[in-house]
Protein backbone atom coordinates (compact mmCIF):
# COMPACT_ATOMS: atom_id res chain seq x y z
CA MET A 1 20.35 18.57 130.57
CA GLU A 2 22.23 16.81 133.36
CA TRP A 3 25.73 16.90 134.04
CA SER A 4 27.86 14.81 135.83
CA LYS A 5 30.34 15.50 138.76
CA SER A 6 33.34 15.02 136.78
CA GLN A 7 31.78 17.47 134.19
CA THR A 8 31.08 20.35 136.57
CA ASP A 9 34.13 19.91 138.37
CA PHE A 10 35.91 20.63 135.24
CA MET A 11 33.93 23.72 134.36
CA ASN A 12 34.48 24.83 137.60
CA ARG A 13 38.38 24.70 136.84
CA ALA A 14 37.88 26.50 133.92
CA LEU A 15 36.21 29.39 136.06
CA LYS A 16 38.46 29.46 138.65
CA VAL A 17 41.53 29.61 135.76
CA ALA A 18 39.37 32.64 133.93
CA GLU A 19 40.10 34.64 137.08
CA ARG A 20 43.56 34.66 136.20
CA GLY A 21 42.80 37.67 133.55
CA ARG A 22 40.94 39.83 136.28
CA GLY A 23 41.45 43.34 135.80
CA LYS A 24 43.46 43.12 132.75
CA VAL A 25 41.15 42.23 129.76
CA SER A 26 38.31 45.03 129.66
CA PRO A 27 36.63 45.24 127.56
CA ASN A 28 36.83 41.66 126.65
CA PRO A 29 35.15 39.52 129.26
CA LEU A 30 37.04 37.17 131.58
CA VAL A 31 36.97 33.58 129.89
CA GLY A 32 38.90 30.02 131.15
CA CYS A 33 39.11 27.19 128.90
CA VAL A 34 40.88 23.67 130.30
CA LEU A 35 41.07 20.76 127.81
CA VAL A 36 40.08 17.08 128.90
CA LYS A 37 41.52 13.99 127.20
CA ASP A 38 40.49 10.79 128.78
CA GLY A 39 39.09 12.07 131.88
CA GLN A 40 42.53 14.09 132.83
CA VAL A 41 42.79 17.47 132.54
CA ILE A 42 45.77 17.85 130.05
CA ALA A 43 46.19 21.80 129.33
CA GLU A 44 44.26 24.96 130.54
CA GLY A 45 44.21 28.68 129.31
CA TRP A 46 42.55 31.92 129.75
CA HIS A 47 42.37 35.22 128.29
CA ASP A 48 45.13 37.35 130.16
CA HIS A 49 45.50 40.64 128.28
CA LEU A 50 44.11 42.76 126.19
CA GLY A 51 45.16 41.92 122.11
CA GLY A 52 46.57 38.87 123.69
CA LEU A 53 45.24 35.40 123.13
CA HIS A 54 41.88 34.14 124.16
CA ALA A 55 41.30 31.00 126.68
CA GLU A 56 40.81 28.99 124.16
CA GLN A 57 44.27 29.56 121.79
CA MET A 58 45.84 29.68 124.86
CA ALA A 59 45.01 26.18 126.06
CA ILE A 60 45.85 24.49 122.96
CA HIS A 61 49.25 26.37 122.96
CA ASP A 62 49.17 24.84 126.94
CA ALA A 63 48.56 21.61 125.63
CA GLU A 64 51.24 21.28 123.05
CA ASN A 65 54.08 22.76 124.94
CA ASN A 66 53.60 19.82 127.66
CA GLY A 67 53.96 17.44 124.94
CA HIS A 68 49.81 16.54 125.04
CA SER A 69 47.84 16.77 121.39
CA PRO A 70 44.79 18.01 121.86
CA ASN A 71 43.26 15.63 118.70
CA GLY A 72 40.22 14.59 120.54
CA ALA A 73 39.94 16.61 123.52
CA VAL A 74 36.78 17.51 124.97
CA ALA A 75 37.09 21.45 125.93
CA TYR A 76 35.34 23.29 128.75
CA VAL A 77 35.10 27.17 127.92
CA THR A 78 33.06 29.54 130.04
CA LEU A 79 32.00 31.41 127.23
CA GLU A 80 30.90 30.68 123.73
CA PRO A 81 33.97 30.39 121.52
CA CYS A 82 34.41 33.87 118.77
CA ASN A 83 34.13 32.89 115.22
CA HIS A 84 34.75 36.58 113.79
CA PHE A 85 38.56 38.40 113.57
CA GLY A 86 39.02 40.92 116.05
CA ARG A 87 42.41 41.83 118.38
CA THR A 88 43.35 37.68 117.41
CA PRO A 89 41.26 35.28 114.97
CA PRO A 90 38.71 33.50 115.22
CA CYS A 91 38.71 30.57 118.44
CA THR A 92 36.45 28.36 116.71
CA GLU A 93 39.11 27.81 113.71
CA ALA A 94 41.52 27.19 116.37
CA LEU A 95 39.12 24.42 118.05
CA MET A 96 38.71 22.73 114.61
CA TRP A 97 42.47 23.24 113.60
CA ALA A 98 43.20 20.82 117.04
CA GLY A 99 40.99 18.36 116.50
CA ILE A 100 38.63 19.10 119.28
CA LYS A 101 35.87 16.29 119.18
CA GLU A 102 33.62 18.33 122.08
CA VAL A 103 33.20 21.81 123.18
CA ILE A 104 30.89 22.35 126.29
CA ILE A 105 30.32 25.91 127.51
CA ALA A 106 29.11 27.55 130.39
CA HIS A 107 27.51 30.61 128.99
CA GLU A 108 26.20 32.03 125.64
CA ASP A 109 28.01 35.02 123.82
CA PRO A 110 25.08 37.84 123.86
CA ASN A 111 27.59 39.83 121.84
CA PRO A 112 25.86 41.02 118.75
CA THR A 113 29.30 39.95 116.82
CA VAL A 114 29.28 36.12 118.50
CA ARG A 115 25.80 35.48 119.67
CA GLY A 116 25.32 31.74 118.69
CA ALA A 117 27.68 31.90 115.39
CA GLY A 118 30.27 30.50 117.19
CA ILE A 119 28.05 27.28 118.32
CA GLN A 120 27.02 26.95 114.78
CA ALA A 121 30.91 27.21 113.21
CA LEU A 122 31.98 24.67 115.86
CA GLU A 123 28.24 22.33 114.69
CA ASP A 124 28.57 23.01 111.27
CA ALA A 125 32.60 21.72 111.83
CA GLY A 126 31.12 18.33 113.42
CA ILE A 127 31.87 18.88 116.45
CA ALA A 128 29.53 18.07 119.28
CA VAL A 129 28.42 21.27 121.69
CA SER A 130 26.07 21.53 124.96
CA TYR A 131 26.20 24.47 126.82
CA GLY A 132 24.74 25.74 130.05
CA LEU A 133 27.11 23.88 132.67
CA LEU A 134 27.26 26.54 135.57
CA GLU A 135 26.07 29.34 133.33
CA PRO A 136 24.57 31.35 136.36
CA GLN A 137 28.30 30.95 137.86
CA ALA A 138 29.78 32.37 134.34
CA ALA A 139 27.14 35.14 134.28
CA LEU A 140 28.14 36.45 137.72
CA GLN A 141 31.90 36.00 136.71
CA MET A 142 31.10 38.31 133.68
CA ARG A 143 28.48 40.22 135.16
CA PRO A 144 29.59 43.55 133.92
CA PHE A 145 30.66 42.22 130.08
CA LEU A 146 26.97 41.16 130.08
CA HIS A 147 25.05 43.95 131.53
CA TRP A 148 27.21 46.37 128.97
CA CYS A 149 26.10 43.86 126.22
CA GLU A 150 22.46 43.67 126.99
CA ASN A 151 22.23 47.54 128.05
CA ARG A 152 25.04 49.18 125.95
CA ARG A 153 26.18 51.36 129.11
CA PRO A 154 28.69 50.19 132.50
CA LEU A 155 27.37 48.34 135.39
CA VAL A 156 26.97 51.08 137.67
CA CYS A 157 29.14 50.01 141.42
CA VAL A 158 29.37 52.65 144.51
CA LYS A 159 31.53 52.82 147.04
CA LEU A 160 30.55 54.35 150.47
CA ALA A 161 32.40 54.77 153.67
CA VAL A 162 30.42 55.64 157.18
CA ASP A 163 31.55 56.21 160.49
CA SER A 164 29.69 54.54 163.42
CA ASN A 165 26.91 57.00 163.14
CA GLY A 166 26.41 56.74 159.10
CA SER A 167 28.50 59.99 158.95
CA VAL A 168 30.70 60.45 155.62
CA ASP A 169 33.65 62.88 156.91
CA ASP A 170 34.20 65.01 160.36
CA ARG A 171 34.50 68.70 160.17
CA SER A 172 37.23 69.04 162.66
CA GLU A 173 40.87 70.37 162.21
CA ASP A 174 42.50 66.93 163.38
CA ALA A 175 40.12 64.37 161.27
CA GLY A 176 41.92 61.86 158.85
CA ARG A 177 41.20 58.87 156.90
CA PHE A 178 38.76 56.50 159.01
CA THR A 179 39.20 53.56 157.63
CA SER A 180 41.98 50.62 158.01
CA GLU A 181 44.72 50.00 156.17
CA GLY A 182 43.47 46.61 154.74
CA CYS A 183 40.25 48.29 153.97
CA LEU A 184 42.06 50.37 152.07
CA ASP A 185 43.92 47.92 150.20
CA LYS A 186 40.23 46.26 149.48
CA VAL A 187 39.23 49.40 147.91
CA HIS A 188 41.96 49.38 145.29
CA GLU A 189 41.60 45.99 144.42
CA LEU A 190 37.41 46.80 143.82
CA ARG A 191 39.12 49.99 141.66
CA ARG A 192 41.15 47.29 139.81
CA GLU A 193 38.07 46.10 138.62
CA CYS A 194 36.40 49.13 137.39
CA ASP A 195 37.26 50.69 133.94
CA ALA A 196 36.45 54.16 135.52
CA ILE A 197 36.21 55.92 138.72
CA LEU A 198 33.67 59.16 138.77
CA VAL A 199 33.64 62.11 141.40
CA GLY A 200 31.44 65.44 141.83
CA VAL A 201 33.85 68.40 141.70
CA ASP A 202 33.56 68.84 145.42
CA THR A 203 35.34 65.96 146.16
CA VAL A 204 37.95 67.38 143.93
CA ILE A 205 38.12 70.53 145.75
CA ARG A 206 37.57 68.87 149.31
CA ASP A 207 40.31 65.93 148.91
CA ASN A 208 41.97 66.85 145.59
CA PRO A 209 42.10 63.01 145.00
CA SER A 210 44.14 60.74 142.55
CA LEU A 211 41.60 57.85 142.35
CA THR A 212 44.19 55.60 140.74
CA ILE A 213 45.12 52.21 141.65
CA ARG A 214 48.32 52.02 143.67
CA ARG A 215 47.67 49.50 146.29
CA VAL A 216 47.99 46.81 144.62
CA GLU A 217 49.49 45.70 141.23
CA SER A 218 47.96 46.90 137.80
CA ASP A 219 48.48 47.05 134.37
CA LYS A 220 46.49 49.95 133.51
CA GLN A 221 44.83 53.07 135.17
CA PRO A 222 41.39 53.75 134.90
CA LEU A 223 39.70 56.75 133.14
CA ARG A 224 38.59 59.52 135.91
CA ILE A 225 35.40 61.47 135.62
CA VAL A 226 34.46 64.64 137.30
CA ILE A 227 31.11 66.14 137.06
CA ASP A 228 31.97 69.89 136.52
CA PRO A 229 29.18 71.77 135.37
CA ASN A 230 30.37 75.15 136.28
CA GLN A 231 33.37 74.78 135.29
CA ARG A 232 34.87 74.86 139.36
CA ILE A 233 37.56 72.34 139.27
CA PRO A 234 40.67 73.99 140.61
CA LYS A 235 44.15 73.94 137.88
CA SER A 236 46.41 72.65 139.99
CA SER A 237 44.29 69.31 140.91
CA ASN A 238 45.97 65.89 140.86
CA LEU A 239 43.88 64.39 138.48
CA LEU A 240 44.74 67.11 135.84
CA ASN A 241 48.29 67.17 136.20
CA ASP A 242 49.34 63.51 136.77
CA GLY A 243 49.46 62.10 133.76
CA PHE A 244 46.63 59.96 133.48
CA GLU A 245 43.28 59.92 131.99
CA THR A 246 40.67 62.28 132.97
CA LEU A 247 37.56 63.35 131.49
CA VAL A 248 35.87 66.65 132.98
CA MET A 249 31.89 66.99 131.91
CA GLY A 250 31.40 70.40 132.20
CA ASP A 251 28.88 72.20 130.72
CA GLU A 252 28.40 69.42 128.50
CA PHE A 253 27.04 67.37 131.07
CA ARG A 254 23.45 67.11 130.66
CA SER A 255 22.41 64.12 133.17
CA LEU A 256 23.52 60.72 134.78
CA PRO A 257 21.44 58.50 131.98
CA ALA A 258 23.48 60.87 129.07
CA LEU A 259 26.61 60.23 130.61
CA LEU A 260 26.47 56.30 131.25
CA ASN A 261 25.55 55.95 127.11
CA LEU A 262 28.47 58.17 126.74
CA LEU A 263 30.70 55.87 128.67
CA GLY A 264 28.90 52.58 126.86
CA ASP A 265 29.92 54.25 123.60
CA LYS A 266 33.49 53.82 124.88
CA GLU A 267 33.34 50.50 126.09
CA ILE A 268 33.07 51.72 129.52
CA GLN A 269 31.73 48.44 131.27
CA ARG A 270 32.03 48.97 135.39
CA LEU A 271 32.08 52.80 136.72
CA MET A 272 32.95 53.25 140.26
CA VAL A 273 31.16 55.83 141.97
CA GLU A 274 33.37 57.30 144.80
CA GLY A 275 31.65 60.68 145.26
CA GLY A 276 30.40 62.35 148.09
CA PRO A 277 26.40 61.52 149.60
CA THR A 278 25.15 64.26 147.01
CA THR A 279 26.49 62.66 143.60
CA ILE A 280 25.61 59.01 145.23
CA GLY A 281 22.19 60.10 146.01
CA HIS A 282 21.57 61.53 142.63
CA PHE A 283 22.45 58.16 140.83
CA LEU A 284 20.52 56.47 143.88
CA ASP A 285 17.37 58.83 142.97
CA GLN A 286 17.32 58.07 139.38
CA ARG A 287 18.04 53.87 139.95
CA LEU A 288 20.96 54.02 138.53
CA VAL A 289 22.67 51.94 140.69
CA ASP A 290 23.75 48.15 140.38
CA GLU A 291 26.10 47.65 143.30
CA PHE A 292 26.60 49.57 146.38
CA TYR A 293 29.28 48.33 149.02
CA LEU A 294 28.33 50.13 152.26
CA VAL A 295 31.53 50.54 154.03
CA GLN A 296 30.94 50.79 158.22
CA SER A 297 33.91 51.94 160.28
CA SER A 298 33.89 51.98 164.40
CA GLN A 299 34.83 55.05 164.44
CA THR A 300 32.88 57.88 165.34
CA HIS A 301 33.47 61.59 163.70
CA GLN A 302 33.64 64.68 166.30
CA GLN A 303 32.16 66.87 163.94
CA PRO A 304 29.90 64.62 161.63
CA ILE A 305 28.95 65.11 158.15
CA ALA A 306 25.78 63.17 157.65
CA SER A 307 25.31 60.81 154.23
CA ASN A 308 21.63 60.32 154.49
CA ILE A 309 22.08 57.44 153.03
CA ASP A 310 20.49 54.25 154.80
CA SER A 311 19.25 50.79 154.38
CA LYS A 312 15.50 52.02 153.21
CA ARG A 313 17.26 54.86 151.01
CA LEU A 314 18.82 51.58 148.99
CA ILE A 315 15.82 49.51 149.21
CA ASN A 316 13.92 52.17 147.59
CA ALA A 317 16.84 52.45 144.92
CA GLY A 318 15.96 49.00 143.65
CA LEU A 319 18.77 47.29 146.05
CA LYS A 320 18.66 44.16 147.80
CA GLN A 321 21.46 43.18 150.52
CA VAL A 322 23.08 39.95 149.15
CA SER A 323 26.42 39.40 151.24
CA THR A 324 28.62 41.25 153.92
CA GLU A 325 32.18 40.96 153.86
CA GLN A 326 35.21 42.45 156.51
CA TRP A 327 37.54 44.68 154.51
CA GLY A 328 40.37 45.20 156.78
CA ASP A 329 38.95 46.63 160.19
CA GLU A 330 35.56 47.78 158.46
CA THR A 331 32.35 45.62 157.91
CA VAL A 332 30.77 45.74 154.37
CA SER A 333 27.63 45.32 153.56
CA ILE A 334 27.04 44.47 149.72
CA TRP A 335 23.91 45.47 148.23
CA ASN A 336 23.22 44.38 144.19
CA ARG A 337 19.91 45.58 141.90
CA GLU A 338 17.21 43.42 142.17
CA SER A 339 16.84 41.29 138.68
């Protein structure tokens, strides 16, 4: 189907609006909605927080609050409207009651509780429906949700910082953090977009990390996960005493795939691995990594600890470099799993 420039512009706006819910709605996906009447945007909405109004419902409220009738409007929605009762009533019914005449959708919902039922309900009510407008862009925006729906386990995101020679740490006594404040801010932004953060017990013993979101605003904290099959985690660890949720995988730990399945059952959709090179290496060798953020510092460690992770190993793990970003003073190469 061919789409006009104005239709594309309206859906682009819906995608942009959806971003306002980033970091606040998981396990629900990011969704945006724009209502258009007589060629003009009269309202917009997004899924703002878990249990709150869905994007379509917020857009209808926005129109009414601003003195616009949604009757006869066209709704541009980034994801197929739901047709079931969950934390909120069905969005299909809200669109019907509002008198929406047409719904244009970016991406169908792969969730078994929706999958085509929303489109069918709208069409049965006499509402014109079309879909596929900017579908690749919507899929990228909702990647963790779509991955979870398809695989029922989280998308695995790895962050690893190395010095100028590929070292992950420094054995010298005066060693400290070797990345910039600006880089640390970006790491916390990435944490905010993840449902859980995983490390091995050696990282806990060495660094006593908190693994919380502190440098950016967040309504929630991620689940912290420690792989500790020999039960070596110190009882004084921050992870056990700061009041936030921590899952320690002790002698019940069997394998990384089994752990990912367990997290999928808990609706963890994006898992961030911040462990050392050994833990990260296990994920890579088993080809379980979907995203890899390799942070390159210009500093050089005095007594380096090699990461043994380079571009060849990432390629062997099924990853391909897709972009480069600047995080503070550091250059970050971003790798994604090849489809």
